[in-house]
C-alpha atoms as a PDB file:
ATOM      1  CA  MET A   1       9.773   3.637 -12.053  1.00  0.00           C
ATOM      2  CA  ALA A   2      10.495   2.193  -8.604  1.00  0.00           C
ATOM      3  CA  VAL A   3       7.120   3.207  -7.189  1.00  0.00           C
ATOM      4  CA  THR A   4       5.225   1.137  -9.754  1.00  0.00           C
ATOM      5  CA  ARG A   5       7.457  -1.923  -9.321  1.00  0.00           C
ATOM      6  CA  ARG A   6       7.020  -1.758  -5.548  1.00  0.00           C
ATOM      7  CA  ALA A   7       3.236  -1.826  -5.859  1.00  0.00           C
ATOM      8  CA  HIS A   8       3.418  -5.177  -7.658  1.00  0.00           C
ATOM      9  CA  ILE A   9       5.164  -7.004  -4.781  1.00  0.00           C
ATOM     10  CA  GLY A  10       1.867  -7.787  -3.055  1.00  0.00           C
ATOM     11  CA  SER A  11       0.316  -8.981  -6.315  1.00  0.00           C
ATOM     12  CA  ALA A  12       3.302 -11.243  -6.940  1.00  0.00           C
ATOM     13  CA  VAL A  13       2.925 -12.776  -3.467  1.00  0.00           C
ATOM     14  CA  VAL A  14      -0.765 -13.529  -4.098  1.00  0.00           C
ATOM     15  CA  VAL A  15       0.042 -15.089  -7.497  1.00  0.00           C
ATOM     16  CA  LEU A  16       2.853 -17.194  -5.997  1.00  0.00           C
ATOM     17  CA  VAL A  17       0.577 -18.542  -3.246  1.00  0.00           C
ATOM     18  CA  GLY A  18      -2.067 -19.310  -5.879  1.00  0.00           C
ATOM     19  CA  LEU A  19       0.443 -21.202  -8.014  1.00  0.00           C
ATOM     20  CA  ILE A  20       1.594 -23.250  -5.031  1.00  0.00           C
ATOM     21  CA  LEU A  21      -1.989 -24.149  -4.129  1.00  0.00           C
ATOM     22  CA  LEU A  22      -2.725 -25.058  -7.763  1.00  0.00           C
ATOM     23  CA  ALA A  23       0.365 -27.280  -7.977  1.00  0.00           C
ATOM     24  CA  ALA A  24      -0.657 -29.020  -4.748  1.00  0.00           C
ATOM     25  CA  SER A  25      -4.222 -29.634  -5.964  1.00  0.00           C
ATOM     26  CA  LEU A  26      -2.881 -31.120  -9.213  1.00  0.00           C
ATOM     27  CA  ASN A  27      -0.539 -33.387  -7.214  1.00  0.00           C
ATOM     28  CA  LEU A  28       2.530 -31.774  -8.790  1.00  0.00           C
ATOM     29  CA  LEU A  29       4.140 -31.307  -5.371  1.00  0.00           C
ATOM     30  CA  PRO A  30       5.341 -34.236  -3.277  1.00  0.00           C
ATOM     31  CA  ALA A  31       3.223 -34.995  -0.206  1.00  0.00           C
ATOM     32  CA  HIS A  32       5.947 -33.827   2.202  1.00  0.00           C
ATOM     33  CA  ALA A  33       6.324 -30.404   0.506  1.00  0.00           C
ATOM     34  CA  TRP A  34       3.848 -28.816   2.926  1.00  0.00           C
ATOM     35  CA  GLU A  35       6.136 -29.716   5.825  1.00  0.00           C
ATOM     36  CA  LEU A  36       8.653 -27.225   4.408  1.00  0.00           C
ATOM     37  CA  PHE A  37       6.122 -24.478   3.683  1.00  0.00           C
ATOM     38  CA  ARG A  38       5.865 -22.930   7.179  1.00  0.00           C
ATOM     39  CA  PRO A  39       9.626 -22.807   7.865  1.00  0.00           C
ATOM     40  CA  ILE A  40      10.264 -21.293   4.431  1.00  0.00           C
ATOM     41  CA  VAL A  41       7.605 -18.612   5.001  1.00  0.00           C
ATOM     42  CA  LEU A  42       9.026 -17.805   8.456  1.00  0.00           C
ATOM     43  CA  ILE A  43      12.554 -17.548   7.062  1.00  0.00           C
ATOM     44  CA  ALA A  44      11.371 -15.348   4.172  1.00  0.00           C
ATOM     45  CA  VAL A  45       9.509 -12.973   6.507  1.00  0.00           C
ATOM     46  CA  GLY A  46      12.559 -12.817   8.792  1.00  0.00           C
ATOM     47  CA  VAL A  47      14.844 -11.967   5.878  1.00  0.00           C
ATOM     48  CA  LEU A  48      12.398  -9.256   4.753  1.00  0.00           C
ATOM     49  CA  PHE A  49      12.392  -7.784   8.285  1.00  0.00           C
ATOM     50  CA  LEU A  50      16.197  -7.787   8.375  1.00  0.00           C
ATOM     51  CA  ALA A  51      16.393  -6.196   4.929  1.00  0.00           C
ATOM     52  CA  GLY A  52      14.001  -3.462   6.048  1.00  0.00           C
ATOM     53  CA  VAL A  53      11.416  -4.282   3.387  1.00  0.00           C
ATOM     54  CA  VAL A  54       8.775  -5.308   5.937  1.00  0.00           C
ATOM     55  CA  THR A  55       8.225  -3.207   9.035  1.00  0.00           C
ATOM     56  CA  ARG A  56       6.872  -4.043  12.436  1.00  0.00           C
ATOM     57  CA  ALA A  57       3.375  -3.017  13.454  1.00  0.00           C
ATOM     58  CA  GLY A  58       3.107   0.361  15.115  1.00  0.00           C
ATOM     59  CA  GLN A  59       6.119   1.850  13.361  1.00  0.00           C
ATOM     60  CA  HIS A  60       5.966   5.535  12.458  1.00  0.00           C
ATOM     61  CA  GLN A  61       8.415   7.110  10.087  1.00  0.00           C
ATOM     62  CA  THR A  62       8.882  10.602   8.694  1.00  0.00           C
ATOM     63  CA  ASP A  63       9.826  10.722   5.049  1.00  0.00           C
ATOM     64  CA  ARG A  64      11.032  13.795   3.174  1.00  0.00           C
ATOM     65  CA  ARG A  65      11.575  12.053  -0.167  1.00  0.00           C
ATOM     66  CA  ASP A  66       9.480  12.992  -3.192  1.00  0.00           C
ATOM     67  CA  GLN A  67       8.339   9.361  -3.600  1.00  0.00           C
ATOM     68  CA  ALA A  68       7.151   7.535  -0.495  1.00  0.00           C
ATOM     69  CA  GLN A  69       7.093   3.753  -0.136  1.00  0.00           C
ATOM     70  CA  ALA A  70       5.555   1.499   2.478  1.00  0.00           C
ATOM     71  CA  PHE A  71       5.279  -2.277   2.704  1.00  0.00           C
ATOM     72  CA  SER A  72       3.510  -3.395   5.853  1.00  0.00           C
ATOM     73  CA  VAL A  73       2.566  -6.816   7.160  1.00  0.00           C
ATOM     74  CA  PHE A  74       0.127  -7.048  10.093  1.00  0.00           C
ATOM     75  CA  GLY A  75      -0.485  -3.305   9.982  1.00  0.00           C
ATOM     76  CA  GLY A  76       0.151  -0.269  11.972  1.00  0.00           C
ATOM     77  CA  GLN A  77       2.779   1.410   9.814  1.00  0.00           C
ATOM     78  CA  ARG A  78       2.355   5.159   9.506  1.00  0.00           C
ATOM     79  CA  VAL A  79       4.390   7.179   7.010  1.00  0.00           C
ATOM     80  CA  ILE A  80       4.392  10.957   7.400  1.00  0.00           C
ATOM     81  CA  ASN A  81       5.639  12.612   4.215  1.00  0.00           C
ATOM     82  CA  GLU A  82       6.974  16.182   4.373  1.00  0.00           C
ATOM     83  CA  SER A  83       8.199  16.554   0.782  1.00  0.00           C
ATOM     84  CA  GLN A  84       7.757  20.000  -0.708  1.00  0.00           C
ATOM     85  CA  HIS A  85       7.507  18.474  -4.200  1.00  0.00           C
ATOM     86  CA  PHE A  86       5.631  15.199  -3.578  1.00  0.00           C
ATOM     87  CA  ARG A  87       5.625  13.031  -6.732  1.00  0.00           C
ATOM     88  CA  GLY A  88       3.979   9.760  -5.689  1.00  0.00           C
ATOM     89  CA  ALA A  89       3.768   6.793  -3.378  1.00  0.00           C
ATOM     90  CA  SER A  90       3.490   3.037  -3.337  1.00  0.00           C
ATOM     91  CA  LEU A  91       1.627   1.405  -0.468  1.00  0.00           C
ATOM     92  CA  THR A  92       1.427  -2.356  -0.077  1.00  0.00           C
ATOM     93  CA  ALA A  93      -0.279  -3.528   3.091  1.00  0.00           C
ATOM     94  CA  PHE A  94      -1.537  -6.728   4.611  1.00  0.00           C
ATOM     95  CA  PHE A  95      -3.756  -5.525   7.488  1.00  0.00           C
ATOM     96  CA  GLY A  96      -3.169  -1.764   7.246  1.00  0.00           C
ATOM     97  CA  VAL A  97      -1.029   1.286   6.517  1.00  0.00           C
ATOM     98  CA  THR A  98      -1.417   5.082   6.779  1.00  0.00           C
ATOM     99  CA  LEU A  99       0.180   7.751   4.568  1.00  0.00           C
ATOM    100  CA  ASP A 100      -0.029  11.246   6.068  1.00  0.00           C
ATOM    101  CA  LEU A 101       0.485  13.962   3.457  1.00  0.00           C
ATOM    102  CA  ARG A 102      -0.695  16.974   5.488  1.00  0.00           C
ATOM    103  CA  GLN A 103       2.823  18.459   5.536  1.00  0.00           C
ATOM    104  CA  ALA A 104       3.560  17.711   1.855  1.00  0.00           C
ATOM    105  CA  LYS A 105       3.044  19.823  -1.265  1.00  0.00           C
ATOM    106  CA  LEU A 106       1.785  18.235  -4.505  1.00  0.00           C
ATOM    107  CA  ALA A 107       3.927  18.315  -7.637  1.00  0.00           C
ATOM    108  CA  PRO A 108       2.353  20.646 -10.253  1.00  0.00           C
ATOM    109  CA  GLU A 109       1.578  17.783 -12.656  1.00  0.00           C
ATOM    110  CA  GLY A 110      -0.408  15.850 -10.048  1.00  0.00           C
ATOM    111  CA  VAL A 111       0.476  12.673  -8.198  1.00  0.00           C
ATOM    112  CA  ASP A 112      -0.286   8.932  -8.394  1.00  0.00           C
ATOM    113  CA  VAL A 113      -0.466   6.850  -5.226  1.00  0.00           C
ATOM    114  CA  ASP A 114      -0.420   3.109  -5.999  1.00  0.00           C
ATOM    115  CA  VAL A 115      -2.152   1.034  -3.328  1.00  0.00           C
ATOM    116  CA  MET A 116      -2.496  -2.719  -2.827  1.00  0.00           C
ATOM    117  CA  THR A 117      -4.145  -3.734   0.405  1.00  0.00           C
ATOM    118  CA  ALA A 118      -5.465  -7.073   1.611  1.00  0.00           C
ATOM    119  CA  PHE A 119      -7.481  -7.872   4.746  1.00  0.00           C
ATOM    120  CA  GLY A 120      -7.249  -4.356   6.089  1.00  0.00           C
ATOM    121  CA  GLY A 121      -7.113  -0.791   4.992  1.00  0.00           C
ATOM    122  CA  ALA A 122      -4.991   2.000   3.685  1.00  0.00           C
ATOM    123  CA  GLN A 123      -5.585   5.557   4.776  1.00  0.00           C
ATOM    124  CA  VAL A 124      -4.263   8.571   2.904  1.00  0.00           C
ATOM    125  CA  ILE A 125      -4.540  11.743   4.984  1.00  0.00           C
ATOM    126  CA  VAL A 126      -4.465  14.922   2.877  1.00  0.00           C
ATOM    127  CA  PRO A 127      -4.731  18.665   3.559  1.00  0.00           C
ATOM    128  CA  VAL A 128      -8.129  20.316   3.115  1.00  0.00           C
ATOM    129  CA  GLY A 129      -8.646  21.374  -0.488  1.00  0.00           C
ATOM    130  CA  TRP A 130      -6.576  18.721  -2.256  1.00  0.00           C
ATOM    131  CA  PRO A 131      -8.624  17.223  -5.097  1.00  0.00           C
ATOM    132  CA  VAL A 132      -8.637  13.409  -4.843  1.00  0.00           C
ATOM    133  CA  ALA A 133      -9.622  10.885  -7.532  1.00  0.00           C
ATOM    134  CA  PHE A 134      -9.908   7.098  -7.159  1.00  0.00           C
ATOM    135  CA  SER A 135      -9.512   4.310  -9.675  1.00  0.00           C
ATOM    136  CA  GLY A 136      -8.999   0.661  -8.957  1.00  0.00           C
ATOM    137  CA  VAL A 137     -10.483  -2.704  -8.237  1.00  0.00           C
ATOM    138  CA  PRO A 138     -12.282  -3.305  -4.939  1.00  0.00           C
ATOM    139  CA  ILE A 139     -12.592  -7.055  -4.292  1.00  0.00           C
ATOM    140  CA  PHE A 140     -14.949  -7.305  -1.315  1.00  0.00           C
ATOM    141  CA  GLY A 141     -13.574  -3.891  -0.383  1.00  0.00           C
ATOM    142  CA  SER A 142     -14.094  -0.216  -1.112  1.00  0.00           C
ATOM    143  CA  PHE A 143     -12.564   3.120  -2.063  1.00  0.00           C
ATOM    144  CA  GLU A 144     -13.903   6.099  -0.089  1.00  0.00           C
ATOM    145  CA  ASP A 145     -13.352   9.853  -0.361  1.00  0.00           C
ATOM    146  CA  LYS A 146     -13.965  11.383   3.075  1.00  0.00           C
ATOM    147  CA  THR A 147     -12.224  14.684   2.308  1.00  0.00           C
ATOM    148  CA  SER A 148     -13.855  18.090   2.337  1.00  0.00           C
ATOM    149  CA  HIS A 149     -13.992  19.405  -1.219  1.00  0.00           C
ATOM    150  CA  GLY A 150     -13.147  23.064  -0.631  1.00  0.00           C
ATOM    151  CA  GLY A 151     -10.325  24.855  -2.432  1.00  0.00           C
ATOM    152  CA  ALA A 152      -9.218  25.249  -6.015  1.00  0.00           C
ATOM    153  CA  GLN A 153     -10.427  22.607  -8.471  1.00  0.00           C
ATOM    154  CA  GLY A 154      -7.955  23.553 -11.223  1.00  0.00           C
ATOM    155  CA  GLY A 155      -4.796  22.620  -9.340  1.00  0.00           C
ATOM    156  CA  PRO A 156      -2.848  19.371  -9.208  1.00  0.00           C
ATOM    157  CA  GLN A 157      -4.774  16.222  -8.338  1.00  0.00           C
ATOM    158  CA  LEU A 158      -3.960  13.283  -6.063  1.00  0.00           C
ATOM    159  CA  ARG A 159      -4.878  10.081  -7.936  1.00  0.00           C
ATOM    160  CA  ILE A 160      -5.222   6.981  -5.760  1.00  0.00           C
ATOM    161  CA  LYS A 161      -5.068   3.780  -7.831  1.00  0.00           C
ATOM    162  CA  GLY A 162      -4.904   0.127  -6.935  1.00  0.00           C
ATOM    163  CA  THR A 163      -6.574  -2.910  -5.435  1.00  0.00           C
ATOM    164  CA  ALA A 164      -8.446  -3.339  -2.161  1.00  0.00           C
ATOM    165  CA  MET A 165      -9.067  -6.994  -1.252  1.00  0.00           C
ATOM    166  CA  PHE A 166     -11.271  -7.590   1.805  1.00  0.00           C
ATOM    167  CA  GLY A 167     -10.536  -4.072   3.025  1.00  0.00           C
ATOM    168  CA  GLY A 168     -10.705  -0.454   2.062  1.00  0.00           C
ATOM    169  CA  VAL A 169      -8.760   2.524   0.825  1.00  0.00           C
ATOM    170  CA  GLU A 170      -9.826   5.925   2.078  1.00  0.00           C
ATOM    171  CA  ALA A 171      -8.733   9.522   1.729  1.00  0.00           C
ATOM    172  CA  LYS A 172      -9.559  11.927   4.539  1.00  0.00           C
ATOM    173  CA  ASN A 173      -8.429  15.207   6.073  1.00  0.00           C
ATOM    174  CA  SER A 174      -7.726  14.125   9.644  1.00  0.00           C
ATOM    175  CA  PRO A 175      -6.515  10.921  11.337  1.00  0.00           C
END
């Protein structure tokens, strides 16, 4: 599933940086390798911007697809989903992202939202009455349910799963 693969991009970046730092500490990289690191990172980020994978801060987009995706670097991206049969989302954010589901309708079987956030937060805004469940790993971060719990408890459930490193993931009813 594309949503699940997308959620692992941030994890892969963290692992890659860790491997580079490990190789440097074990003297497996030549001394001048660090001189190339910054230009390579800048080129990679530029290519990701051009490919549309990474968005600029402050960007808002309306999405009518059943599966929403957001990859944000340096925060500010806001995705408003209006799907009438919402099936899931993948949010990867370095410094923040917001998914607004107030206009969407949950699929009858329930929905998984995969979240990976580092050094910032992810907000999922839901209509009043949607049941929300969290599972994941907070690393110096948190998962918070700030929604009102009115409405039917037997209906479909929004399941927010993932990792919050040095930040938080929250569900709430208003921005």
